[in-house]
Amino acid sequence: MSQRVTFRRMQDSTREDFEIIRPEAARFASGLPDRVLAHLRLLQGDFSGFPIDRYSHCLQTATLALKDGRDEEYVVCALLHDVGDTLGSYNHPEVAAAILKPFVSEANHWMVEHHGIFQGHNFFHHVGMDRNMRDQFKTHPHYDRTVEFIDRYDSPAFDADGEIYPLSTFEPMVRRLFAMPKRSTYAKVTESA
């Protein structure tokens, strides 16, 4: 059984309290890959009218990126780019980006965070929206990277006949990526963007 502190308000905490809390928090954090993978699996069976379910779409996006020789961090971003769909129906890219932010480069974070607007270039005009919304970012250093992500990996990954690697292919990559944050409010680490 875990040891617990007894303070009722954070301002009443002590260094000794955090000698108890810190290892417990580290233990909980070590389970992050399992929680993220479980959340990804929640997308199974959610077709929302698409030719394949959202889970298969994520796997197919990652499959395309891996087959194209992208690095592990990029492949995991491809895998998890829509993981926010279940909780962030109106801002899923921001949810996925928030989960990935401590573990990925600024370029990959920006790409995931903005992929929804960039994917919108392919369909916004069908739903009464401005398909050129992405143009507001034309001068951003990660604009071309995000266009490429959509065109090469995200957009073609709705193919019911397309190759889809199993999650077991990507699980070790997820575990390695989430093993140590590159940047975090709660960890003394340095960013390698």
N, C-alpha and C. Protein backbone atom coordinates (compact mmCIF):
# COMPACT_ATOMS: atom_id res chain seq x y z
N MET A 1 0.84 -1.19 0.00
CA MET A 1 0.00 0.00 0.00
C MET A 1 0.88 1.25 0.00
N SER A 2 0.51 2.21 -0.78
CA SER A 2 1.26 3.44 -0.88
C SER A 2 1.11 4.28 0.38
N GLN A 3 2.19 4.93 0.72
CA GLN A 3 2.17 5.87 1.84
C GLN A 3 1.53 7.17 1.36
N ARG A 4 0.77 7.85 2.24
CA ARG A 4 0.15 9.11 1.85
C ARG A 4 0.45 10.18 2.87
N VAL A 5 0.50 11.42 2.39
CA VAL A 5 0.70 12.56 3.27
C VAL A 5 -0.64 12.97 3.85
N THR A 6 -0.61 13.88 4.84
CA THR A 6 -1.85 14.24 5.53
C THR A 6 -2.26 15.69 5.38
N PHE A 7 -1.50 16.51 4.65
CA PHE A 7 -1.90 17.91 4.54
C PHE A 7 -3.22 18.04 3.77
N ARG A 8 -3.95 19.11 4.06
CA ARG A 8 -5.23 19.36 3.42
C ARG A 8 -5.15 20.45 2.37
N ARG A 9 -4.13 21.29 2.47
CA ARG A 9 -3.92 22.37 1.50
C ARG A 9 -2.47 22.32 1.06
N MET A 10 -2.24 22.55 -0.21
CA MET A 10 -0.89 22.45 -0.75
C MET A 10 0.06 23.38 -0.02
N GLN A 11 -0.41 24.55 0.37
CA GLN A 11 0.49 25.49 1.06
C GLN A 11 0.95 24.98 2.43
N ASP A 12 0.32 23.94 2.93
CA ASP A 12 0.73 23.35 4.20
C ASP A 12 1.70 22.18 4.02
N SER A 13 2.07 21.88 2.78
CA SER A 13 2.96 20.74 2.51
C SER A 13 4.38 21.06 2.97
N THR A 14 5.15 19.98 3.14
CA THR A 14 6.53 20.11 3.61
C THR A 14 7.46 19.34 2.66
N ARG A 15 8.74 19.56 2.82
CA ARG A 15 9.74 18.80 2.05
C ARG A 15 9.58 17.31 2.32
N GLU A 16 9.31 16.95 3.56
CA GLU A 16 9.11 15.54 3.91
C GLU A 16 7.91 14.95 3.17
N ASP A 17 6.85 15.75 3.03
CA ASP A 17 5.68 15.29 2.27
C ASP A 17 6.09 14.94 0.84
N PHE A 18 6.92 15.79 0.27
CA PHE A 18 7.31 15.56 -1.12
C PHE A 18 8.34 14.45 -1.27
N GLU A 19 8.95 14.03 -0.19
CA GLU A 19 9.79 12.84 -0.22
C GLU A 19 8.91 11.59 -0.37
N ILE A 20 7.66 11.70 0.03
CA ILE A 20 6.67 10.63 -0.17
C ILE A 20 6.02 10.78 -1.54
N ILE A 21 5.62 11.99 -1.90
CA ILE A 21 4.87 12.24 -3.12
C ILE A 21 5.70 11.98 -4.38
N ARG A 22 6.94 12.43 -4.37
CA ARG A 22 7.75 12.35 -5.59
C ARG A 22 7.90 10.94 -6.15
N PRO A 23 8.27 9.94 -5.34
CA PRO A 23 8.38 8.59 -5.92
C PRO A 23 7.02 8.02 -6.35
N GLU A 24 5.96 8.39 -5.64
CA GLU A 24 4.62 7.95 -6.04
C GLU A 24 4.23 8.58 -7.38
N ALA A 25 4.55 9.85 -7.55
CA ALA A 25 4.26 10.54 -8.82
C ALA A 25 5.08 9.93 -9.95
N ALA A 26 6.32 9.57 -9.67
CA ALA A 26 7.18 8.94 -10.69
C ALA A 26 6.62 7.58 -11.09
N ARG A 27 6.12 6.81 -10.11
CA ARG A 27 5.51 5.52 -10.40
C ARG A 27 4.30 5.71 -11.31
N PHE A 28 3.45 6.68 -10.98
CA PHE A 28 2.27 6.96 -11.80
C PHE A 28 2.68 7.39 -13.20
N ALA A 29 3.67 8.26 -13.30
CA ALA A 29 4.14 8.75 -14.61
C ALA A 29 4.67 7.61 -15.46
N SER A 30 5.27 6.62 -14.84
CA SER A 30 5.82 5.50 -15.61
C SER A 30 4.72 4.70 -16.32
N GLY A 31 3.48 4.85 -15.88
CA GLY A 31 2.35 4.17 -16.53
C GLY A 31 1.76 4.96 -17.68
N LEU A 32 2.32 6.13 -17.99
CA LEU A 32 1.78 6.96 -19.05
C LEU A 32 1.68 6.25 -20.40
N PRO A 33 2.70 5.53 -20.84
CA PRO A 33 2.56 4.84 -22.13
C PRO A 33 1.36 3.89 -22.17
N ASP A 34 1.12 3.16 -21.08
CA ASP A 34 -0.02 2.26 -21.03
C ASP A 34 -1.34 3.01 -21.13
N ARG A 35 -1.43 4.15 -20.44
CA ARG A 35 -2.67 4.93 -20.48
C ARG A 35 -2.89 5.53 -21.87
N VAL A 36 -1.82 6.01 -22.50
CA VAL A 36 -1.94 6.59 -23.84
C VAL A 36 -2.37 5.51 -24.84
N LEU A 37 -1.75 4.34 -24.77
CA LEU A 37 -2.11 3.25 -25.67
C LEU A 37 -3.55 2.78 -25.43
N ALA A 38 -3.96 2.73 -24.18
CA ALA A 38 -5.35 2.36 -23.87
C ALA A 38 -6.32 3.39 -24.44
N HIS A 39 -5.94 4.65 -24.34
CA HIS A 39 -6.80 5.70 -24.89
C HIS A 39 -6.87 5.61 -26.41
N LEU A 40 -5.75 5.29 -27.04
CA LEU A 40 -5.76 5.11 -28.50
C LEU A 40 -6.72 3.99 -28.89
N ARG A 41 -6.72 2.90 -28.10
CA ARG A 41 -7.60 1.77 -28.41
C ARG A 41 -9.08 2.15 -28.30
N LEU A 42 -9.40 3.21 -27.58
CA LEU A 42 -10.79 3.66 -27.48
C LEU A 42 -11.35 4.07 -28.84
N LEU A 43 -10.47 4.35 -29.79
CA LEU A 43 -10.91 4.76 -31.13
C LEU A 43 -11.36 3.58 -31.99
N GLN A 44 -11.15 2.35 -31.50
CA GLN A 44 -11.59 1.17 -32.25
C GLN A 44 -13.11 1.20 -32.40
N GLY A 45 -13.56 0.93 -33.60
CA GLY A 45 -14.99 0.86 -33.86
C GLY A 45 -15.67 2.19 -34.10
N ASP A 46 -14.93 3.30 -33.97
CA ASP A 46 -15.51 4.62 -34.22
C ASP A 46 -15.24 5.00 -35.67
N PHE A 47 -16.18 4.69 -36.53
CA PHE A 47 -16.05 4.99 -37.95
C PHE A 47 -16.47 6.41 -38.26
N SER A 48 -17.44 6.93 -37.55
CA SER A 48 -17.97 8.28 -37.81
C SER A 48 -18.21 8.52 -39.29
N GLY A 49 -18.60 7.48 -40.01
CA GLY A 49 -18.88 7.61 -41.43
C GLY A 49 -17.68 7.40 -42.34
N PHE A 50 -16.48 7.32 -41.79
CA PHE A 50 -15.28 7.13 -42.61
C PHE A 50 -15.16 5.67 -43.07
N PRO A 51 -14.31 5.41 -44.09
CA PRO A 51 -14.15 4.03 -44.60
C PRO A 51 -13.50 3.08 -43.59
N ILE A 52 -12.66 3.62 -42.69
CA ILE A 52 -12.05 2.80 -41.64
C ILE A 52 -12.26 3.52 -40.31
N ASP A 53 -12.16 2.78 -39.21
CA ASP A 53 -12.34 3.43 -37.91
C ASP A 53 -11.13 4.30 -37.57
N ARG A 54 -11.31 5.15 -36.59
CA ARG A 54 -10.27 6.12 -36.23
C ARG A 54 -8.99 5.44 -35.74
N TYR A 55 -9.14 4.32 -35.06
CA TYR A 55 -7.99 3.55 -34.60
C TYR A 55 -7.16 3.07 -35.79
N SER A 56 -7.83 2.47 -36.77
CA SER A 56 -7.13 2.00 -37.97
C SER A 56 -6.51 3.16 -38.73
N HIS A 57 -7.20 4.29 -38.76
CA HIS A 57 -6.64 5.48 -39.40
C HIS A 57 -5.32 5.89 -38.73
N CYS A 58 -5.29 5.88 -37.42
CA CYS A 58 -4.05 6.23 -36.71
C CYS A 58 -2.94 5.23 -37.01
N LEU A 59 -3.28 3.95 -36.98
CA LEU A 59 -2.29 2.91 -37.30
C LEU A 59 -1.80 3.05 -38.74
N GLN A 60 -2.71 3.33 -39.66
CA GLN A 60 -2.32 3.46 -41.07
C GLN A 60 -1.45 4.70 -41.29
N THR A 61 -1.75 5.78 -40.60
CA THR A 61 -0.93 6.99 -40.70
C THR A 61 0.50 6.68 -40.23
N ALA A 62 0.61 5.99 -39.10
CA ALA A 62 1.93 5.62 -38.58
C ALA A 62 2.63 4.62 -39.50
N THR A 63 1.87 3.70 -40.07
CA THR A 63 2.43 2.72 -41.00
C THR A 63 3.07 3.42 -42.19
N LEU A 64 2.35 4.37 -42.77
CA LEU A 64 2.88 5.12 -43.92
C LEU A 64 4.16 5.87 -43.54
N ALA A 65 4.16 6.49 -42.37
CA ALA A 65 5.34 7.24 -41.93
C ALA A 65 6.53 6.32 -41.69
N LEU A 66 6.27 5.18 -41.06
CA LEU A 66 7.35 4.22 -40.79
C LEU A 66 7.92 3.66 -42.09
N LYS A 67 7.04 3.27 -43.00
CA LYS A 67 7.49 2.72 -44.29
C LYS A 67 8.28 3.76 -45.09
N ASP A 68 8.00 5.02 -44.84
CA ASP A 68 8.69 6.10 -45.55
C ASP A 68 10.02 6.47 -44.89
N GLY A 69 10.35 5.79 -43.79
CA GLY A 69 11.64 6.00 -43.15
C GLY A 69 11.70 7.15 -42.16
N ARG A 70 10.54 7.62 -41.70
CA ARG A 70 10.55 8.71 -40.72
C ARG A 70 11.10 8.20 -39.39
N ASP A 71 11.66 9.11 -38.59
CA ASP A 71 12.24 8.70 -37.30
C ASP A 71 11.13 8.33 -36.31
N GLU A 72 11.53 7.67 -35.23
CA GLU A 72 10.57 7.17 -34.24
C GLU A 72 9.65 8.24 -33.69
N GLU A 73 10.22 9.38 -33.35
CA GLU A 73 9.40 10.45 -32.77
C GLU A 73 8.29 10.85 -33.76
N TYR A 74 8.64 11.00 -34.99
CA TYR A 74 7.67 11.37 -36.02
C TYR A 74 6.61 10.29 -36.17
N VAL A 75 7.03 9.03 -36.19
CA VAL A 75 6.09 7.91 -36.33
C VAL A 75 5.11 7.88 -35.16
N VAL A 76 5.60 8.11 -33.96
CA VAL A 76 4.70 8.14 -32.80
C VAL A 76 3.74 9.32 -32.91
N CYS A 77 4.20 10.45 -33.39
CA CYS A 77 3.30 11.58 -33.62
C CYS A 77 2.22 11.21 -34.64
N ALA A 78 2.62 10.50 -35.68
CA ALA A 78 1.65 10.04 -36.68
C ALA A 78 0.64 9.10 -36.04
N LEU A 79 1.11 8.21 -35.19
CA LEU A 79 0.24 7.26 -34.52
C LEU A 79 -0.76 7.96 -33.60
N LEU A 80 -0.30 8.96 -32.88
CA LEU A 80 -1.13 9.59 -31.84
C LEU A 80 -1.78 10.90 -32.26
N HIS A 81 -1.66 11.28 -33.53
CA HIS A 81 -2.15 12.59 -33.94
C HIS A 81 -3.64 12.79 -33.69
N ASP A 82 -4.42 11.72 -33.69
CA ASP A 82 -5.87 11.83 -33.45
C ASP A 82 -6.31 11.23 -32.12
N VAL A 83 -5.36 10.97 -31.22
CA VAL A 83 -5.71 10.35 -29.94
C VAL A 83 -6.66 11.23 -29.12
N GLY A 84 -6.71 12.52 -29.43
CA GLY A 84 -7.60 13.43 -28.72
C GLY A 84 -9.04 13.41 -29.19
N ASP A 85 -9.36 12.60 -30.20
CA ASP A 85 -10.71 12.59 -30.77
C ASP A 85 -11.80 12.28 -29.74
N THR A 86 -11.53 11.38 -28.81
CA THR A 86 -12.59 10.98 -27.88
C THR A 86 -12.90 12.06 -26.84
N LEU A 87 -11.92 12.79 -26.41
CA LEU A 87 -12.14 13.82 -25.37
C LEU A 87 -12.20 15.23 -25.92
N GLY A 88 -11.64 15.44 -27.10
CA GLY A 88 -11.60 16.78 -27.67
C GLY A 88 -12.28 16.82 -29.02
N SER A 89 -13.56 16.56 -29.04
CA SER A 89 -14.29 16.50 -30.32
C SER A 89 -14.17 17.78 -31.12
N TYR A 90 -13.95 18.91 -30.46
CA TYR A 90 -13.87 20.19 -31.16
C TYR A 90 -12.46 20.76 -31.18
N ASN A 91 -11.51 20.06 -30.56
CA ASN A 91 -10.12 20.51 -30.56
C ASN A 91 -9.15 19.34 -30.41
N HIS A 92 -9.44 18.23 -31.09
CA HIS A 92 -8.61 17.03 -30.92
C HIS A 92 -7.13 17.24 -31.21
N PRO A 93 -6.74 18.09 -32.18
CA PRO A 93 -5.30 18.27 -32.40
C PRO A 93 -4.60 18.88 -31.18
N GLU A 94 -5.27 19.81 -30.51
CA GLU A 94 -4.67 20.44 -29.33
C GLU A 94 -4.52 19.44 -28.18
N VAL A 95 -5.50 18.53 -28.05
CA VAL A 95 -5.42 17.51 -27.00
C VAL A 95 -4.24 16.58 -27.27
N ALA A 96 -4.13 16.08 -28.51
CA ALA A 96 -3.02 15.20 -28.86
C ALA A 96 -1.68 15.91 -28.67
N ALA A 97 -1.62 17.17 -29.09
CA ALA A 97 -0.37 17.94 -28.96
C ALA A 97 0.01 18.14 -27.50
N ALA A 98 -0.97 18.36 -26.65
CA ALA A 98 -0.69 18.55 -25.22
C ALA A 98 -0.10 17.28 -24.61
N ILE A 99 -0.60 16.13 -25.01
CA ILE A 99 -0.07 14.86 -24.50
C ILE A 99 1.37 14.67 -24.97
N LEU A 100 1.64 15.01 -26.21
CA LEU A 100 2.97 14.79 -26.80
C LEU A 100 4.00 15.85 -26.42
N LYS A 101 3.55 17.05 -26.07
CA LYS A 101 4.45 18.20 -25.91
C LYS A 101 5.71 17.94 -25.09
N PRO A 102 5.64 17.30 -23.93
CA PRO A 102 6.88 17.12 -23.16
C PRO A 102 7.90 16.19 -23.81
N PHE A 103 7.47 15.43 -24.82
CA PHE A 103 8.30 14.34 -25.33
C PHE A 103 8.81 14.54 -26.76
N VAL A 104 8.32 15.57 -27.43
CA VAL A 104 8.67 15.73 -28.85
C VAL A 104 9.27 17.10 -29.13
N SER A 105 9.87 17.21 -30.29
CA SER A 105 10.45 18.49 -30.71
C SER A 105 9.36 19.52 -30.92
N GLU A 106 9.76 20.76 -30.93
CA GLU A 106 8.80 21.85 -31.18
C GLU A 106 8.18 21.69 -32.56
N ALA A 107 8.94 21.24 -33.54
CA ALA A 107 8.44 21.06 -34.91
C ALA A 107 7.34 19.99 -34.96
N ASN A 108 7.57 18.86 -34.30
CA ASN A 108 6.56 17.81 -34.30
C ASN A 108 5.34 18.21 -33.47
N HIS A 109 5.59 18.90 -32.37
CA HIS A 109 4.46 19.39 -31.56
C HIS A 109 3.58 20.32 -32.37
N TRP A 110 4.19 21.28 -33.06
CA TRP A 110 3.43 22.24 -33.86
C TRP A 110 2.65 21.53 -34.96
N MET A 111 3.28 20.56 -35.59
CA MET A 111 2.63 19.80 -36.66
C MET A 111 1.37 19.09 -36.15
N VAL A 112 1.47 18.42 -35.02
CA VAL A 112 0.31 17.72 -34.47
C VAL A 112 -0.76 18.73 -34.04
N GLU A 113 -0.33 19.79 -33.39
CA GLU A 113 -1.28 20.79 -32.89
C GLU A 113 -2.08 21.46 -34.00
N HIS A 114 -1.50 21.59 -35.17
CA HIS A 114 -2.15 22.30 -36.27
C HIS A 114 -2.66 21.40 -37.40
N HIS A 115 -2.48 20.10 -37.27
CA HIS A 115 -2.83 19.22 -38.39
C HIS A 115 -4.30 19.29 -38.76
N GLY A 116 -5.19 19.58 -37.84
CA GLY A 116 -6.61 19.65 -38.15
C GLY A 116 -6.94 20.75 -39.14
N ILE A 117 -6.34 21.92 -38.94
CA ILE A 117 -6.56 23.03 -39.86
C ILE A 117 -5.97 22.70 -41.23
N PHE A 118 -4.82 22.04 -41.24
CA PHE A 118 -4.17 21.70 -42.51
C PHE A 118 -4.95 20.59 -43.24
N GLN A 119 -5.49 19.62 -42.49
CA GLN A 119 -6.31 18.58 -43.11
C GLN A 119 -7.59 19.21 -43.65
N GLY A 120 -8.05 20.27 -43.01
CA GLY A 120 -9.25 20.98 -43.47
C GLY A 120 -9.16 21.47 -44.90
N HIS A 121 -7.96 21.66 -45.39
CA HIS A 121 -7.79 22.08 -46.79
C HIS A 121 -8.46 21.06 -47.74
N ASN A 122 -8.55 19.81 -47.30
CA ASN A 122 -9.13 18.75 -48.12
C ASN A 122 -10.65 18.63 -48.01
N PHE A 123 -11.26 19.25 -46.97
CA PHE A 123 -12.70 19.05 -46.82
C PHE A 123 -13.49 20.24 -46.27
N PHE A 124 -12.85 21.25 -45.73
CA PHE A 124 -13.60 22.36 -45.12
C PHE A 124 -14.63 22.95 -46.09
N HIS A 125 -14.30 23.03 -47.37
CA HIS A 125 -15.23 23.61 -48.34
C HIS A 125 -16.50 22.76 -48.50
N HIS A 126 -16.45 21.49 -48.11
CA HIS A 126 -17.63 20.63 -48.18
C HIS A 126 -18.59 20.87 -47.01
N VAL A 127 -18.10 21.51 -45.96
CA VAL A 127 -18.93 21.73 -44.77
C VAL A 127 -19.12 23.22 -44.47
N GLY A 128 -18.93 24.04 -45.50
CA GLY A 128 -19.18 25.47 -45.35
C GLY A 128 -18.10 26.25 -44.63
N MET A 129 -16.89 25.73 -44.60
CA MET A 129 -15.78 26.41 -43.95
C MET A 129 -14.74 26.81 -45.01
N ASP A 130 -13.80 27.63 -44.60
CA ASP A 130 -12.75 28.10 -45.49
C ASP A 130 -11.64 27.06 -45.59
N ARG A 131 -11.51 26.43 -46.74
CA ARG A 131 -10.50 25.39 -46.91
C ARG A 131 -9.08 25.96 -46.87
N ASN A 132 -8.93 27.25 -47.04
CA ASN A 132 -7.61 27.88 -47.04
C ASN A 132 -7.23 28.46 -45.68
N MET A 133 -7.89 27.99 -44.63
CA MET A 133 -7.59 28.46 -43.28
C MET A 133 -6.11 28.28 -42.93
N ARG A 134 -5.51 27.25 -43.49
CA ARG A 134 -4.09 26.99 -43.19
C ARG A 134 -3.18 28.10 -43.71
N ASP A 135 -3.66 28.88 -44.67
CA ASP A 135 -2.83 29.93 -45.27
C ASP A 135 -2.38 30.98 -44.26
N GLN A 136 -3.09 31.11 -43.15
CA GLN A 136 -2.67 32.06 -42.12
C GLN A 136 -1.29 31.71 -41.56
N PHE A 137 -0.85 30.48 -41.79
CA PHE A 137 0.44 30.01 -41.26
C PHE A 137 1.51 29.89 -42.34
N LYS A 138 1.26 30.41 -43.53
CA LYS A 138 2.19 30.24 -44.67
C LYS A 138 3.63 30.61 -44.34
N THR A 139 3.84 31.61 -43.49
CA THR A 139 5.20 32.04 -43.18
C THR A 139 5.78 31.32 -41.96
N HIS A 140 5.02 30.42 -41.35
CA HIS A 140 5.51 29.71 -40.17
C HIS A 140 6.57 28.68 -40.59
N PRO A 141 7.62 28.53 -39.81
CA PRO A 141 8.69 27.59 -40.19
C PRO A 141 8.24 26.13 -40.32
N HIS A 142 7.12 25.76 -39.71
CA HIS A 142 6.68 24.36 -39.78
C HIS A 142 5.50 24.15 -40.72
N TYR A 143 5.18 25.17 -41.50
CA TYR A 143 4.08 25.08 -42.46
C TYR A 143 4.30 23.92 -43.44
N ASP A 144 5.43 23.92 -44.11
CA ASP A 144 5.69 22.89 -45.13
C ASP A 144 5.73 21.49 -44.52
N ARG A 145 6.28 21.38 -43.33
CA ARG A 145 6.33 20.09 -42.63
C ARG A 145 4.92 19.56 -42.39
N THR A 146 4.01 20.44 -42.01
CA THR A 146 2.64 20.04 -41.70
C THR A 146 1.87 19.71 -42.97
N VAL A 147 2.08 20.48 -44.03
CA VAL A 147 1.48 20.14 -45.33
C VAL A 147 1.94 18.75 -45.75
N GLU A 148 3.23 18.48 -45.62
CA GLU A 148 3.77 17.18 -45.99
C GLU A 148 3.14 16.06 -45.14
N PHE A 149 2.99 16.29 -43.84
CA PHE A 149 2.37 15.29 -42.97
C PHE A 149 0.96 14.95 -43.46
N ILE A 150 0.20 15.96 -43.79
CA ILE A 150 -1.17 15.73 -44.28
C ILE A 150 -1.14 14.99 -45.61
N ASP A 151 -0.36 15.49 -46.55
CA ASP A 151 -0.36 14.94 -47.91
C ASP A 151 0.20 13.52 -47.99
N ARG A 152 1.23 13.22 -47.21
CA ARG A 152 1.90 11.91 -47.33
C ARG A 152 1.36 10.86 -46.37
N TYR A 153 0.85 11.30 -45.21
CA TYR A 153 0.52 10.32 -44.17
C TYR A 153 -0.93 10.40 -43.68
N ASP A 154 -1.40 11.57 -43.28
CA ASP A 154 -2.73 11.69 -42.69
C ASP A 154 -3.83 11.52 -43.73
N SER A 155 -3.79 12.26 -44.80
CA SER A 155 -4.84 12.23 -45.81
C SER A 155 -4.99 10.88 -46.51
N PRO A 156 -3.89 10.21 -46.88
CA PRO A 156 -4.05 8.91 -47.55
C PRO A 156 -4.38 7.76 -46.60
N ALA A 157 -4.47 8.00 -45.31
CA ALA A 157 -4.64 6.92 -44.33
C ALA A 157 -6.11 6.66 -43.98
N PHE A 158 -6.97 6.75 -44.99
CA PHE A 158 -8.37 6.38 -44.82
C PHE A 158 -8.71 5.24 -45.78
N ASP A 159 -7.69 4.51 -46.19
CA ASP A 159 -7.80 3.50 -47.24
C ASP A 159 -8.13 2.14 -46.63
N ALA A 160 -9.36 1.69 -46.87
CA ALA A 160 -9.80 0.40 -46.32
C ALA A 160 -8.98 -0.76 -46.86
N ASP A 161 -8.33 -0.58 -48.00
CA ASP A 161 -7.49 -1.63 -48.58
C ASP A 161 -6.01 -1.39 -48.33
N GLY A 162 -5.69 -0.31 -47.63
CA GLY A 162 -4.30 0.04 -47.38
C GLY A 162 -3.67 -0.81 -46.28
N GLU A 163 -2.37 -0.87 -46.31
CA GLU A 163 -1.63 -1.65 -45.32
C GLU A 163 -1.70 -0.96 -43.96
N ILE A 164 -1.92 -1.77 -42.93
CA ILE A 164 -1.99 -1.28 -41.56
C ILE A 164 -1.18 -2.22 -40.68
N TYR A 165 -0.08 -1.70 -40.13
CA TYR A 165 0.71 -2.49 -39.20
C TYR A 165 -0.03 -2.56 -37.87
N PRO A 166 0.15 -3.66 -37.12
CA PRO A 166 -0.52 -3.77 -35.82
C PRO A 166 0.10 -2.82 -34.79
N LEU A 167 -0.66 -2.55 -33.76
CA LEU A 167 -0.17 -1.66 -32.70
C LEU A 167 1.14 -2.17 -32.10
N SER A 168 1.31 -3.48 -32.06
CA SER A 168 2.54 -4.06 -31.49
C SER A 168 3.79 -3.57 -32.21
N THR A 169 3.67 -3.16 -33.46
CA THR A 169 4.80 -2.60 -34.20
C THR A 169 5.24 -1.28 -33.57
N PHE A 170 4.28 -0.51 -33.10
CA PHE A 170 4.54 0.85 -32.62
C PHE A 170 4.68 0.97 -31.11
N GLU A 171 4.18 -0.03 -30.39
CA GLU A 171 4.19 0.05 -28.93
C GLU A 171 5.58 0.28 -28.34
N PRO A 172 6.63 -0.42 -28.80
CA PRO A 172 7.96 -0.14 -28.24
C PRO A 172 8.41 1.31 -28.49
N MET A 173 8.04 1.86 -29.63
CA MET A 173 8.38 3.25 -29.94
C MET A 173 7.69 4.20 -28.97
N VAL A 174 6.41 3.94 -28.69
CA VAL A 174 5.66 4.77 -27.75
C VAL A 174 6.32 4.70 -26.38
N ARG A 175 6.69 3.51 -25.96
CA ARG A 175 7.32 3.34 -24.64
C ARG A 175 8.65 4.08 -24.56
N ARG A 176 9.44 4.01 -25.61
CA ARG A 176 10.72 4.72 -25.60
C ARG A 176 10.51 6.23 -25.58
N LEU A 177 9.58 6.71 -26.39
CA LEU A 177 9.35 8.16 -26.46
C LEU A 177 8.86 8.70 -25.12
N PHE A 178 7.94 8.00 -24.48
CA PHE A 178 7.35 8.48 -23.23
C PHE A 178 8.18 8.14 -22.00
N ALA A 179 9.35 7.54 -22.20
CA ALA A 179 10.19 7.16 -21.06
C ALA A 179 10.78 8.38 -20.34
N MET A 180 11.06 9.45 -21.09
CA MET A 180 11.70 10.61 -20.48
C MET A 180 11.30 11.88 -21.23
N PRO A 181 10.72 12.84 -20.52
CA PRO A 181 10.36 14.10 -21.19
C PRO A 181 11.60 14.88 -21.62
N LYS A 182 11.46 15.58 -22.72
CA LYS A 182 12.51 16.49 -23.19
C LYS A 182 12.33 17.85 -22.54
N ARG A 183 11.08 18.17 -22.21
CA ARG A 183 10.78 19.46 -21.59
C ARG A 183 9.52 19.27 -20.75
N SER A 184 9.55 19.79 -19.54
CA SER A 184 8.41 19.66 -18.65
C SER A 184 8.52 20.65 -17.51
N THR A 185 7.40 21.13 -17.07
CA THR A 185 7.37 22.00 -15.90
C THR A 185 7.87 21.25 -14.67
N TYR A 186 7.63 19.93 -14.62
CA TYR A 186 7.89 19.13 -13.43
C TYR A 186 9.20 18.37 -13.44
N ALA A 187 9.97 18.50 -14.50
CA ALA A 187 11.23 17.75 -14.56
C ALA A 187 12.34 18.69 -15.00
N LYS A 188 13.49 18.49 -14.40
CA LYS A 188 14.66 19.27 -14.80
C LYS A 188 15.28 18.58 -16.00
N VAL A 189 14.82 19.01 -17.18
CA VAL A 189 15.32 18.46 -18.43
C VAL A 189 15.57 19.61 -19.38
N THR A 190 16.31 19.31 -20.43
CA THR A 190 16.55 20.33 -21.44
C THR A 190 15.84 19.95 -22.72
N GLU A 191 15.38 20.91 -23.43
CA GLU A 191 14.68 20.69 -24.68
C GLU A 191 15.69 20.46 -25.79
N SER A 192 15.43 19.44 -26.58
CA SER A 192 16.23 19.22 -27.79
C SER A 192 15.29 19.27 -28.96
N ALA A 193 14.99 20.48 -29.42
CA ALA A 193 13.99 20.66 -30.49
C ALA A 193 14.59 20.50 -31.85
